[in-house]
C-alpha atoms as a PDB file:
ATOM      1  CA  UNK A   1      92.908 120.168  89.601  1.00  0.00           C
ATOM      2  CA  UNK A   2      91.872 121.913  92.796  1.00  0.00           C
ATOM      3  CA  UNK A   3      90.540 120.107  95.834  1.00  0.00           C
ATOM      4  CA  UNK A   4      87.026 118.707  95.665  1.00  0.00           C
ATOM      5  CA  UNK A   5      84.550 118.941  98.493  1.00  0.00           C
ATOM      6  CA  UNK A   6      82.546 115.928  99.795  1.00  0.00           C
ATOM      7  CA  UNK A   7      79.455 117.338  98.039  1.00  0.00           C
ATOM      8  CA  UNK A   8      81.186 116.744  94.688  1.00  0.00           C
ATOM      9  CA  UNK A   9      81.942 113.069  95.389  1.00  0.00           C
ATOM     10  CA  UNK A  10      79.938 110.354  93.663  1.00  0.00           C
ATOM     11  CA  UNK A  11      79.574 107.310  95.933  1.00  0.00           C
ATOM     12  CA  UNK A  12      78.322 103.782  95.394  1.00  0.00           C
ATOM     13  CA  UNK A  13      77.195 102.152  98.652  1.00  0.00           C
ATOM     14  CA  UNK A  14      77.117  98.342  98.450  1.00  0.00           C
ATOM     15  CA  UNK A  15      75.376  96.932 101.515  1.00  0.00           C
ATOM     16  CA  UNK A  16      72.958  93.959 101.776  1.00  0.00           C
ATOM     17  CA  UNK A  17      71.107  95.235 104.859  1.00  0.00           C
ATOM     18  CA  UNK A  18      68.355  97.846 104.375  1.00  0.00           C
ATOM     19  CA  UNK A  19      68.905  99.101 107.915  1.00  0.00           C
ATOM     20  CA  UNK A  20      72.670  99.459 107.499  1.00  0.00           C
ATOM     21  CA  UNK A  21      72.197 101.172 104.122  1.00  0.00           C
ATOM     22  CA  UNK A  22      69.959 103.788 105.719  1.00  0.00           C
ATOM     23  CA  UNK A  23      72.406 104.367 108.579  1.00  0.00           C
ATOM     24  CA  UNK A  24      75.407 104.766 106.262  1.00  0.00           C
ATOM     25  CA  UNK A  25      73.495 107.006 103.819  1.00  0.00           C
ATOM     26  CA  UNK A  26      72.528 109.234 106.753  1.00  0.00           C
ATOM     27  CA  UNK A  27      76.174 109.392 107.910  1.00  0.00           C
ATOM     28  CA  UNK A  28      77.387 110.242 104.400  1.00  0.00           C
ATOM     29  CA  UNK A  29      74.763 112.970 104.073  1.00  0.00           C
ATOM     30  CA  UNK A  30      75.894 114.437 107.398  1.00  0.00           C
ATOM     31  CA  UNK A  31      79.382 114.725 105.877  1.00  0.00           C
ATOM     32  CA  UNK A  32      77.940 116.657 102.934  1.00  0.00           C
ATOM     33  CA  UNK A  33      77.778 113.809 100.393  1.00  0.00           C
ATOM     34  CA  UNK A  34      74.676 113.982  98.184  1.00  0.00           C
ATOM     35  CA  UNK A  35      75.420 111.789  95.175  1.00  0.00           C
ATOM     36  CA  UNK A  36      74.874 108.272  96.571  1.00  0.00           C
ATOM     37  CA  UNK A  37      73.877 105.208  94.536  1.00  0.00           C
ATOM     38  CA  UNK A  38      73.086 101.953  96.331  1.00  0.00           C
ATOM     39  CA  UNK A  39      73.352  98.257  95.566  1.00  0.00           C
ATOM     40  CA  UNK A  40      72.367  95.255  97.710  1.00  0.00           C
ATOM     41  CA  UNK A  41      74.711  92.735  96.085  1.00  0.00           C
ATOM     42  CA  UNK A  42      77.740  92.397  93.816  1.00  0.00           C
ATOM     43  CA  UNK A  43      75.782  91.906  90.594  1.00  0.00           C
ATOM     44  CA  UNK A  44      73.867  95.173  91.115  1.00  0.00           C
ATOM     45  CA  UNK A  45      77.084  96.954  92.076  1.00  0.00           C
ATOM     46  CA  UNK A  46      78.869  95.877  88.885  1.00  0.00           C
ATOM     47  CA  UNK A  47      75.922  96.991  86.740  1.00  0.00           C
ATOM     48  CA  UNK A  48      75.995 100.441  88.341  1.00  0.00           C
ATOM     49  CA  UNK A  49      79.786 100.768  87.981  1.00  0.00           C
ATOM     50  CA  UNK A  50      79.552  99.990  84.254  1.00  0.00           C
ATOM     51  CA  UNK A  51      76.683 102.455  83.805  1.00  0.00           C
ATOM     52  CA  UNK A  52      77.911 105.294  86.002  1.00  0.00           C
ATOM     53  CA  UNK A  53      81.465 105.086  87.385  1.00  0.00           C
ATOM     54  CA  UNK A  54      81.601 106.390  90.981  1.00  0.00           C
ATOM     55  CA  UNK A  55      84.562 108.122  92.678  1.00  0.00           C
ATOM     56  CA  UNK A  56      84.307 105.858  95.711  1.00  0.00           C
ATOM     57  CA  UNK A  57      82.785 102.470  96.560  1.00  0.00           C
ATOM     58  CA  UNK A  58      81.740 102.008 100.181  1.00  0.00           C
ATOM     59  CA  UNK A  59      81.230  98.283 100.633  1.00  0.00           C
ATOM     60  CA  UNK A  60      80.299  95.674 103.219  1.00  0.00           C
ATOM     61  CA  UNK A  61      82.320  92.439 103.277  1.00  0.00           C
ATOM     62  CA  UNK A  62      79.775  89.616 102.753  1.00  0.00           C
ATOM     63  CA  UNK A  63      76.964  89.367 100.179  1.00  0.00           C
ATOM     64  CA  UNK A  64      74.529  86.692  99.043  1.00  0.00           C
ATOM     65  CA  UNK A  65      76.452  86.447  95.763  1.00  0.00           C
ATOM     66  CA  UNK A  66      80.032  86.643  97.033  1.00  0.00           C
ATOM     67  CA  UNK A  67      82.595  88.695  98.929  1.00  0.00           C
ATOM     68  CA  UNK A  68      83.813  92.290  98.643  1.00  0.00           C
ATOM     69  CA  UNK A  69      87.183  90.975  97.408  1.00  0.00           C
ATOM     70  CA  UNK A  70      85.436  90.139  94.108  1.00  0.00           C
ATOM     71  CA  UNK A  71      84.304  93.726  93.728  1.00  0.00           C
ATOM     72  CA  UNK A  72      87.792  94.950  94.535  1.00  0.00           C
ATOM     73  CA  UNK A  73      89.283  92.644  91.854  1.00  0.00           C
ATOM     74  CA  UNK A  74      86.629  93.793  89.380  1.00  0.00           C
ATOM     75  CA  UNK A  75      87.677  97.451  89.665  1.00  0.00           C
ATOM     76  CA  UNK A  76      91.424  96.923  90.069  1.00  0.00           C
ATOM     77  CA  UNK A  77      91.781  94.664  87.029  1.00  0.00           C
ATOM     78  CA  UNK A  78      89.950  96.919  84.578  1.00  0.00           C
ATOM     79  CA  UNK A  79      91.840 100.030  83.446  1.00  0.00           C
ATOM     80  CA  UNK A  80      88.521 101.904  83.092  1.00  0.00           C
ATOM     81  CA  UNK A  81      87.810 101.478  86.808  1.00  0.00           C
ATOM     82  CA  UNK A  82      91.251 101.552  88.457  1.00  0.00           C
ATOM     83  CA  UNK A  83      90.802 105.152  89.589  1.00  0.00           C
ATOM     84  CA  UNK A  84      87.744 104.214  91.686  1.00  0.00           C
ATOM     85  CA  UNK A  85      88.607 104.323  95.400  1.00  0.00           C
ATOM     86  CA  UNK A  86      87.416 101.528  97.707  1.00  0.00           C
ATOM     87  CA  UNK A  87      86.367 101.710 101.361  1.00  0.00           C
ATOM     88  CA  UNK A  88      85.432  98.652 103.413  1.00  0.00           C
ATOM     89  CA  UNK A  89      82.867  98.915 106.225  1.00  0.00           C
ATOM     90  CA  UNK A  90      82.879  95.711 108.246  1.00  0.00           C
ATOM     91  CA  UNK A  91      82.574  94.322 111.755  1.00  0.00           C
ATOM     92  CA  UNK A  92      85.293  91.798 110.804  1.00  0.00           C
ATOM     93  CA  UNK A  93      88.272  91.995 113.195  1.00  0.00           C
ATOM     94  CA  UNK A  94      90.432  89.097 112.028  1.00  0.00           C
ATOM     95  CA  UNK A  95      93.649  90.488 110.653  1.00  0.00           C
ATOM     96  CA  UNK A  96      94.034  87.931 107.858  1.00  0.00           C
ATOM     97  CA  UNK A  97      90.533  88.699 106.552  1.00  0.00           C
ATOM     98  CA  UNK A  98      91.325  92.408 106.318  1.00  0.00           C
ATOM     99  CA  UNK A  99      94.891  92.101 105.048  1.00  0.00           C
ATOM    100  CA  UNK A 100      93.896  91.750 101.385  1.00  0.00           C
ATOM    101  CA  UNK A 101      92.100  95.101 101.599  1.00  0.00           C
ATOM    102  CA  UNK A 102      95.117  96.747 103.224  1.00  0.00           C
ATOM    103  CA  UNK A 103      97.467  95.348 100.603  1.00  0.00           C
ATOM    104  CA  UNK A 104      95.255  96.292  97.661  1.00  0.00           C
ATOM    105  CA  UNK A 105      95.107  99.929  98.646  1.00  0.00           C
ATOM    106  CA  UNK A 106      91.654 100.339 100.163  1.00  0.00           C
ATOM    107  CA  UNK A 107      91.383 104.009 101.061  1.00  0.00           C
ATOM    108  CA  UNK A 108      90.000 103.047 104.491  1.00  0.00           C
ATOM    109  CA  UNK A 109      88.740 100.108 106.540  1.00  0.00           C
ATOM    110  CA  UNK A 110      85.981 101.278 108.865  1.00  0.00           C
ATOM    111  CA  UNK A 111      84.490  99.224 111.697  1.00  0.00           C
ATOM    112  CA  UNK A 112      80.746  98.761 112.226  1.00  0.00           C
ATOM    113  CA  UNK A 113      79.638 100.978 113.851  1.00  0.00           C
ATOM    114  CA  UNK A 114      82.040 103.750 112.821  1.00  0.00           C
ATOM    115  CA  UNK A 115      82.214 107.298 114.144  1.00  0.00           C
ATOM    116  CA  UNK A 116      81.984 110.568 112.227  1.00  0.00           C
ATOM    117  CA  UNK A 117      85.722 111.268 112.524  1.00  0.00           C
ATOM    118  CA  UNK A 118      86.590 107.911 110.905  1.00  0.00           C
ATOM    119  CA  UNK A 119      84.287 108.651 108.004  1.00  0.00           C
ATOM    120  CA  UNK A 120      85.459 112.247 107.557  1.00  0.00           C
ATOM    121  CA  UNK A 121      89.106 111.096 107.437  1.00  0.00           C
ATOM    122  CA  UNK A 122      88.274 108.392 104.874  1.00  0.00           C
ATOM    123  CA  UNK A 123      86.367 110.842 102.655  1.00  0.00           C
ATOM    124  CA  UNK A 124      89.230 113.344 102.857  1.00  0.00           C
ATOM    125  CA  UNK A 125      91.682 110.601 101.860  1.00  0.00           C
ATOM    126  CA  UNK A 126      89.499 109.826  98.845  1.00  0.00           C
ATOM    127  CA  UNK A 127      89.478 113.490  97.858  1.00  0.00           C
ATOM    128  CA  UNK A 128      93.264 113.663  98.275  1.00  0.00           C
ATOM    129  CA  UNK A 129      93.699 110.627  96.027  1.00  0.00           C
ATOM    130  CA  UNK A 130      91.598 111.992  93.187  1.00  0.00           C
ATOM    131  CA  UNK A 131      92.866 115.585  93.444  1.00  0.00           C
ATOM    132  CA  UNK A 132      96.265 116.825  92.368  1.00  0.00           C
ATOM    133  CA  UNK A 133      97.927 118.700  95.216  1.00  0.00           C
ATOM    134  CA  UNK A 134     101.569 119.251  94.350  1.00  0.00           C
ATOM    135  CA  UNK A 135     104.232 119.441  97.055  1.00  0.00           C
ATOM    136  CA  UNK A 136     105.676 122.936  97.283  1.00  0.00           C
ATOM    137  CA  UNK A 137     109.330 122.448  98.209  1.00  0.00           C
ATOM    138  CA  UNK A 138     111.803 125.247  98.804  1.00  0.00           C
ATOM    139  CA  UNK A 139     115.000 123.312  98.009  1.00  0.00           C
ATOM    140  CA  UNK A 140     114.127 121.740  94.682  1.00  0.00           C
ATOM    141  CA  UNK A 141     111.437 121.090  92.103  1.00  0.00           C
ATOM    142  CA  UNK A 142     109.183 118.201  93.150  1.00  0.00           C
ATOM    143  CA  UNK A 143     109.191 116.946  89.550  1.00  0.00           C
ATOM    144  CA  UNK A 144     112.968 116.359  89.772  1.00  0.00           C
ATOM    145  CA  UNK A 145     112.752 114.023  92.791  1.00  0.00           C
ATOM    146  CA  UNK A 146     114.026 110.594  91.716  1.00  0.00           C
ATOM    147  CA  UNK A 147     111.891 108.115  93.641  1.00  0.00           C
ATOM    148  CA  UNK A 148     112.234 104.347  94.017  1.00  0.00           C
ATOM    149  CA  UNK A 149     109.032 102.466  94.954  1.00  0.00           C
ATOM    150  CA  UNK A 150     109.613  98.948  96.322  1.00  0.00           C
ATOM    151  CA  UNK A 151     106.731  96.513  96.929  1.00  0.00           C
ATOM    152  CA  UNK A 152     106.120  92.897  95.903  1.00  0.00           C
ATOM    153  CA  UNK A 153     102.484  93.728  95.075  1.00  0.00           C
ATOM    154  CA  UNK A 154     102.022  95.446  91.701  1.00  0.00           C
ATOM    155  CA  UNK A 155      98.676  96.738  92.933  1.00  0.00           C
ATOM    156  CA  UNK A 156     100.304  98.293  96.009  1.00  0.00           C
ATOM    157  CA  UNK A 157     103.003  99.892  93.825  1.00  0.00           C
ATOM    158  CA  UNK A 158     100.277 101.387  91.626  1.00  0.00           C
ATOM    159  CA  UNK A 159      98.534 102.862  94.682  1.00  0.00           C
ATOM    160  CA  UNK A 160     101.788 104.416  95.942  1.00  0.00           C
ATOM    161  CA  UNK A 161     102.623 105.727  92.463  1.00  0.00           C
ATOM    162  CA  UNK A 162      99.207 107.294  92.065  1.00  0.00           C
ATOM    163  CA  UNK A 163      99.462 108.968  95.474  1.00  0.00           C
ATOM    164  CA  UNK A 164     102.912 110.463  94.876  1.00  0.00           C
ATOM    165  CA  UNK A 165     102.122 111.392  91.266  1.00  0.00           C
ATOM    166  CA  UNK A 166      99.246 113.478  92.622  1.00  0.00           C
ATOM    167  CA  UNK A 167     101.834 115.237  94.790  1.00  0.00           C
ATOM    168  CA  UNK A 168     103.821 116.147  91.674  1.00  0.00           C
ATOM    169  CA  UNK A 169     106.478 113.403  91.722  1.00  0.00           C
ATOM    170  CA  UNK A 170     107.105 112.213  88.174  1.00  0.00           C
ATOM    171  CA  UNK A 171     110.477 110.390  88.130  1.00  0.00           C
ATOM    172  CA  UNK A 172     109.453 107.007  89.562  1.00  0.00           C
ATOM    173  CA  UNK A 173     111.326 103.699  89.311  1.00  0.00           C
ATOM    174  CA  UNK A 174     109.856 100.424  90.591  1.00  0.00           C
ATOM    175  CA  UNK A 175     111.239  97.275  92.184  1.00  0.00           C
ATOM    176  CA  UNK A 176     109.252  94.165  93.126  1.00  0.00           C
ATOM    177  CA  UNK A 177     111.426  93.309  96.139  1.00  0.00           C
ATOM    178  CA  UNK A 178     114.496  94.410  98.072  1.00  0.00           C
ATOM    179  CA  UNK A 179     116.909  92.451  95.882  1.00  0.00           C
ATOM    180  CA  UNK A 180     115.683  94.192  92.727  1.00  0.00           C
ATOM    181  CA  UNK A 181     115.830  97.532  94.564  1.00  0.00           C
ATOM    182  CA  UNK A 182     119.485  96.925  95.507  1.00  0.00           C
ATOM    183  CA  UNK A 183     120.319  96.193  91.856  1.00  0.00           C
ATOM    184  CA  UNK A 184     118.655  99.437  90.768  1.00  0.00           C
ATOM    185  CA  UNK A 185     120.442 101.429  93.468  1.00  0.00           C
ATOM    186  CA  UNK A 186     123.788 100.083  92.267  1.00  0.00           C
ATOM    187  CA  UNK A 187     123.012 101.513  88.820  1.00  0.00           C
ATOM    188  CA  UNK A 188     121.411 104.881  89.588  1.00  0.00           C
ATOM    189  CA  UNK A 189     120.944 107.521  92.286  1.00  0.00           C
ATOM    190  CA  UNK A 190     117.676 108.280  94.057  1.00  0.00           C
ATOM    191  CA  UNK A 191     116.389 111.168  96.188  1.00  0.00           C
ATOM    192  CA  UNK A 192     113.735 109.121  97.981  1.00  0.00           C
ATOM    193  CA  UNK A 193     112.977 105.429  98.638  1.00  0.00           C
ATOM    194  CA  UNK A 194     109.440 104.265  99.517  1.00  0.00           C
ATOM    195  CA  UNK A 195     109.441 100.602 100.493  1.00  0.00           C
ATOM    196  CA  UNK A 196     107.081  97.964 101.822  1.00  0.00           C
ATOM    197  CA  UNK A 197     108.100  96.118 104.984  1.00  0.00           C
ATOM    198  CA  UNK A 198     106.901  92.569 104.160  1.00  0.00           C
ATOM    199  CA  UNK A 199     108.557  91.212 101.007  1.00  0.00           C
ATOM    200  CA  UNK A 200     109.989  87.811 100.029  1.00  0.00           C
ATOM    201  CA  UNK A 201     113.782  87.248  99.937  1.00  0.00           C
ATOM    202  CA  UNK A 202     115.010  90.751 100.849  1.00  0.00           C
ATOM    203  CA  UNK A 203     112.428  92.558 103.015  1.00  0.00           C
ATOM    204  CA  UNK A 204     112.157  96.252 103.873  1.00  0.00           C
ATOM    205  CA  UNK A 205     114.346  95.919 106.956  1.00  0.00           C
ATOM    206  CA  UNK A 206     117.173  94.192 105.020  1.00  0.00           C
ATOM    207  CA  UNK A 207     116.877  96.789 102.237  1.00  0.00           C
ATOM    208  CA  UNK A 208     117.135  99.621 104.768  1.00  0.00           C
ATOM    209  CA  UNK A 209     120.190  98.017 106.354  1.00  0.00           C
ATOM    210  CA  UNK A 210     121.816  97.670 102.919  1.00  0.00           C
ATOM    211  CA  UNK A 211     121.103 101.320 102.020  1.00  0.00           C
ATOM    212  CA  UNK A 212     122.426 102.662 105.327  1.00  0.00           C
ATOM    213  CA  UNK A 213     125.497 100.418 105.663  1.00  0.00           C
ATOM    214  CA  UNK A 214     126.631  99.323 102.205  1.00  0.00           C
ATOM    215  CA  UNK A 215     125.281 101.600  99.494  1.00  0.00           C
ATOM    216  CA  UNK A 216     126.690 104.782  97.955  1.00  0.00           C
ATOM    217  CA  UNK A 217     123.395 106.451  98.933  1.00  0.00           C
ATOM    218  CA  UNK A 218     123.436 105.972 102.701  1.00  0.00           C
ATOM    219  CA  UNK A 219     121.720 109.326 103.385  1.00  0.00           C
ATOM    220  CA  UNK A 220     118.709 108.880 101.060  1.00  0.00           C
ATOM    221  CA  UNK A 221     115.390 109.394 102.941  1.00  0.00           C
ATOM    222  CA  UNK A 222     113.445 106.135 103.420  1.00  0.00           C
ATOM    223  CA  UNK A 223     109.668 106.029 103.921  1.00  0.00           C
ATOM    224  CA  UNK A 224     108.487 102.563 104.948  1.00  0.00           C
ATOM    225  CA  UNK A 225     104.912 101.452 104.320  1.00  0.00           C
ATOM    226  CA  UNK A 226     103.753  98.621 106.575  1.00  0.00           C
ATOM    227  CA  UNK A 227     100.638  96.788 107.696  1.00  0.00           C
ATOM    228  CA  UNK A 228     102.706  95.329 110.579  1.00  0.00           C
ATOM    229  CA  UNK A 229     101.260  96.010 113.993  1.00  0.00           C
ATOM    230  CA  UNK A 230     104.198  94.254 115.667  1.00  0.00           C
ATOM    231  CA  UNK A 231     106.039  96.795 117.853  1.00  0.00           C
ATOM    232  CA  UNK A 232     109.273  94.785 117.789  1.00  0.00           C
ATOM    233  CA  UNK A 233     109.370  94.837 113.996  1.00  0.00           C
ATOM    234  CA  UNK A 234     108.640  98.539 113.934  1.00  0.00           C
ATOM    235  CA  UNK A 235     111.334  99.383 116.497  1.00  0.00           C
ATOM    236  CA  UNK A 236     113.783  97.273 114.440  1.00  0.00           C
ATOM    237  CA  UNK A 237     113.121  99.250 111.262  1.00  0.00           C
ATOM    238  CA  UNK A 238     113.322 102.552 113.137  1.00  0.00           C
ATOM    239  CA  UNK A 239     116.708 101.666 114.608  1.00  0.00           C
ATOM    240  CA  UNK A 240     117.870 100.430 111.184  1.00  0.00           C
ATOM    241  CA  UNK A 241     117.467 103.945 109.828  1.00  0.00           C
ATOM    242  CA  UNK A 242     113.976 104.359 108.366  1.00  0.00           C
ATOM    243  CA  UNK A 243     113.072 108.068 108.390  1.00  0.00           C
ATOM    244  CA  UNK A 244     109.314 107.636 108.541  1.00  0.00           C
ATOM    245  CA  UNK A 245     106.752 104.846 108.916  1.00  0.00           C
ATOM    246  CA  UNK A 246     103.356 104.836 107.305  1.00  0.00           C
ATOM    247  CA  UNK A 247     100.453 102.375 107.742  1.00  0.00           C
ATOM    248  CA  UNK A 248      98.548 100.529 105.024  1.00  0.00           C
ATOM    249  CA  UNK A 249      96.102 101.769 103.921  1.00  0.00           C
ATOM    250  CA  UNK A 250      97.967 105.069 104.033  1.00  0.00           C
ATOM    251  CA  UNK A 251      96.364 108.476 103.970  1.00  0.00           C
ATOM    252  CA  UNK A 252      97.604 110.803 101.212  1.00  0.00           C
ATOM    253  CA  UNK A 253      97.534 113.732 103.650  1.00  0.00           C
ATOM    254  CA  UNK A 254      99.913 111.868 105.969  1.00  0.00           C
ATOM    255  CA  UNK A 255     102.163 110.829 103.064  1.00  0.00           C
ATOM    256  CA  UNK A 256     102.312 114.477 101.991  1.00  0.00           C
ATOM    257  CA  UNK A 257     103.289 115.591 105.507  1.00  0.00           C
ATOM    258  CA  UNK A 258     105.942 112.868 105.773  1.00  0.00           C
ATOM    259  CA  UNK A 259     107.422 113.628 102.351  1.00  0.00           C
ATOM    260  CA  UNK A 260     107.463 117.325 103.164  1.00  0.00           C
ATOM    261  CA  UNK A 261     109.363 116.628 106.398  1.00  0.00           C
ATOM    262  CA  UNK A 262     111.790 114.218 104.687  1.00  0.00           C
ATOM    263  CA  UNK A 263     112.555 116.385 101.697  1.00  0.00           C
ATOM    264  CA  UNK A 264     112.680 119.762 103.443  1.00  0.00           C
ATOM    265  CA  UNK A 265     115.127 118.646 106.170  1.00  0.00           C
END
């Protein structure tokens, strides 16, 4: 499938405030989006999703009938709706409040008010996620790249898998933590490891240290996905031998660039 343009996106805007709805609709229209449905609460949003599945939900955080996390669960737990992308627009700054959206693969978390660049990037990420745009590698066929995805969240693993599948990667193994990843790596060879940073028992840092110092695959490229803003943690993983670091929620365009750099070296 070739790349879509914003004008081809179908968006559901879920926002309780009339004023905010008008502002966000205007911003979306400025970016070339024309197909916009609106809902003022979760009940209306769910009705619309069942009737006409959108490509992207743009949602506030708080509603009279619940929180945006409910809407996120609604789409992520139903196989008919798992392909819908989710963008949060909120003035919430507390890290713990936003973490669930980062971990569940929200395509973007925009502040209120947001600027045009933020919105354009988020829309482009949505397009990247629902378009197939295969990596064109000179050294080998992208479909032959044996990839290990390590994350304790099944939802996060699904997001990563969907992103790299759209890039043409087909041979994907999964591990739910570093310990399981180490077991898998003792049994088979991989061309690429994509791992979360925060995991119980054996975290991303310990896994990286194992790969670099103890495994038979010490040169395998490692892409680490992290919602950690802690500079000390990040410098630790860099010095441990991670090839590239990527934020949650990650942008497919950035993942593509990183994979291209890692695999073409």
